[in-house]
C-alpha cells in the first residue's frame, strides 16, 4: 500500500476512533472492528506458524536456535552465505509478526 493510501486509511481510522471516544459508534461498527481484528489475528497466526516451521528446518540443519543464530548474525559472527541471509530474513519476519500480534491482541507474545 502506498504511503498516500496509508495516510488516507489512517485518517479514516482516526475519524472512527473519534466516534468511539465520543460514544457515537454504532454496534455494527464495533462488531465490524472486532471481526476485522479477529481476521487479521488469524491471518498473522497462520503466517507465524508457517515461519516457525521454516525456522525449525534451519535450526535442525545448523543445530542452534533461531535466537542464537540471529544474535551471531547481527554480531557479524556468521558468514554471508545465502542460507544465512534467508534465515535472518525469516527471523526478522517472525519478529515483525510477533509485534503485529501484540498490537492486534494486546497480549505480549512469549
Protein backbone atom coordinates (compact mmCIF):
# COMPACT_ATOMS: atom_id res chain seq x y z
CA UNK A 1 0.00 0.00 0.00
CA UNK A 2 1.39 3.38 -0.99
CA UNK A 3 2.24 5.98 1.62
CA UNK A 4 -0.56 8.32 0.48
CA UNK A 5 -3.02 5.44 0.64
CA UNK A 6 -1.82 4.55 4.16
CA UNK A 7 -2.46 8.14 5.22
CA UNK A 8 -5.99 8.04 3.82
CA UNK A 9 -6.73 4.86 5.76
CA UNK A 10 -5.15 6.32 8.91
CA UNK A 11 -7.36 9.41 8.56
CA UNK A 12 -10.44 7.21 8.25
CA UNK A 13 -9.45 5.23 11.31
CA UNK A 14 -8.94 8.45 13.25
CA UNK A 15 -12.49 9.52 12.36
CA UNK A 16 -13.82 6.19 13.60
CA UNK A 17 -11.72 6.49 16.77
CA UNK A 18 -13.26 9.92 17.35
CA UNK A 19 -16.74 8.42 17.09
CA UNK A 20 -15.77 5.70 19.56
CA UNK A 21 -14.23 8.18 22.02
CA UNK A 22 -17.33 10.37 21.93
CA UNK A 23 -19.78 7.48 22.33
CA UNK A 24 -21.18 7.81 18.82
CA UNK A 25 -20.10 4.44 17.46
CA UNK A 26 -22.79 2.03 16.35
CA UNK A 27 -22.95 -1.61 17.39
CA UNK A 28 -22.30 -2.51 13.75
CA UNK A 29 -19.05 -0.52 13.80
CA UNK A 30 -17.90 -2.26 16.97
CA UNK A 31 -18.77 -5.73 15.64
CA UNK A 32 -17.10 -4.99 12.32
CA UNK A 33 -13.91 -3.81 14.02
CA UNK A 34 -13.92 -6.92 16.24
CA UNK A 35 -14.28 -9.14 13.16
CA UNK A 36 -11.52 -7.27 11.34
CA UNK A 37 -9.14 -7.63 14.28
CA UNK A 38 -10.03 -11.32 14.64
CA UNK A 39 -9.41 -11.89 10.93
CA UNK A 40 -6.05 -10.08 10.96
CA UNK A 41 -5.05 -12.02 14.08
CA UNK A 42 -5.96 -15.31 12.44
CA UNK A 43 -4.00 -14.49 9.28
CA UNK A 44 -0.99 -13.40 11.33
CA UNK A 45 -1.11 -16.57 13.42
CA UNK A 46 -1.15 -18.72 10.27
CA UNK A 47 1.80 -16.81 8.85
CA UNK A 48 3.68 -17.13 12.12
CA UNK A 49 3.06 -20.89 12.24
CA UNK A 50 4.48 -21.25 8.73
CA UNK A 51 7.51 -19.15 9.66
CA UNK A 52 8.09 -21.26 12.76
CA UNK A 53 8.07 -24.38 10.59
CA UNK A 54 10.60 -22.80 8.23
CA UNK A 55 12.77 -21.63 11.13
CA UNK A 56 12.71 -25.11 12.69
CA UNK A 57 14.18 -26.53 9.49
CA UNK A 58 17.14 -24.14 9.70
CA UNK A 59 17.55 -24.89 13.41
CA UNK A 60 17.68 -28.63 12.70
CA UNK A 61 20.20 -28.23 9.89
CA UNK A 62 22.54 -25.91 11.80
CA UNK A 63 21.99 -27.20 15.35
CA UNK A 64 21.16 -23.88 17.01
CA UNK A 65 18.07 -21.88 17.86
CA UNK A 66 17.00 -19.04 15.63
CA UNK A 67 17.56 -16.63 18.53
CA UNK A 68 21.18 -17.77 18.91
CA UNK A 69 21.73 -17.67 15.16
CA UNK A 70 20.29 -14.17 14.88
CA UNK A 71 22.50 -12.88 17.72
CA UNK A 72 25.53 -14.29 15.91
CA UNK A 73 24.35 -12.97 12.55
CA UNK A 74 23.83 -9.45 13.88
CA UNK A 75 27.23 -9.54 15.58
CA UNK A 76 28.87 -10.49 12.28
CA UNK A 77 29.88 -13.92 13.59
CA UNK A 78 28.44 -15.82 10.62
CA UNK A 79 29.41 -15.81 7.01
CA UNK A 80 27.11 -14.32 4.42
CA UNK A 81 26.03 -17.46 2.62
CA UNK A 82 22.59 -17.24 1.07
CA UNK A 83 21.04 -19.66 3.59
CA UNK A 84 22.04 -17.38 6.47
CA UNK A 85 20.62 -14.32 4.75
CA UNK A 86 17.37 -16.21 4.23
CA UNK A 87 17.35 -17.44 7.83
CA UNK A 88 17.93 -13.92 9.14
CA UNK A 89 15.12 -12.63 6.94
CA UNK A 90 12.76 -15.26 8.33
CA UNK A 91 13.75 -14.33 11.89
CA UNK A 92 13.04 -10.66 11.16
CA UNK A 93 9.70 -11.52 9.59
CA UNK A 94 8.84 -13.57 12.67
CA UNK A 95 9.75 -10.69 14.98
CA UNK A 96 7.57 -8.29 12.98
CA UNK A 97 4.66 -10.72 13.04
CA UNK A 98 5.00 -11.14 16.81
CA UNK A 99 4.91 -7.35 17.20
CA UNK A 100 1.84 -7.23 14.96
CA UNK A 101 0.15 -9.92 17.08
CA UNK A 102 0.87 -7.93 20.23
CA UNK A 103 -0.79 -4.86 18.70
CA UNK A 104 -3.79 -6.84 17.47
CA UNK A 105 -4.36 -8.81 20.67
CA UNK A 106 -2.97 -6.50 23.31
CA UNK A 107 -1.05 -9.51 24.65
CA UNK A 108 2.73 -9.80 24.59
CA UNK A 109 3.91 -12.88 22.70
CA UNK A 110 6.27 -15.26 24.53
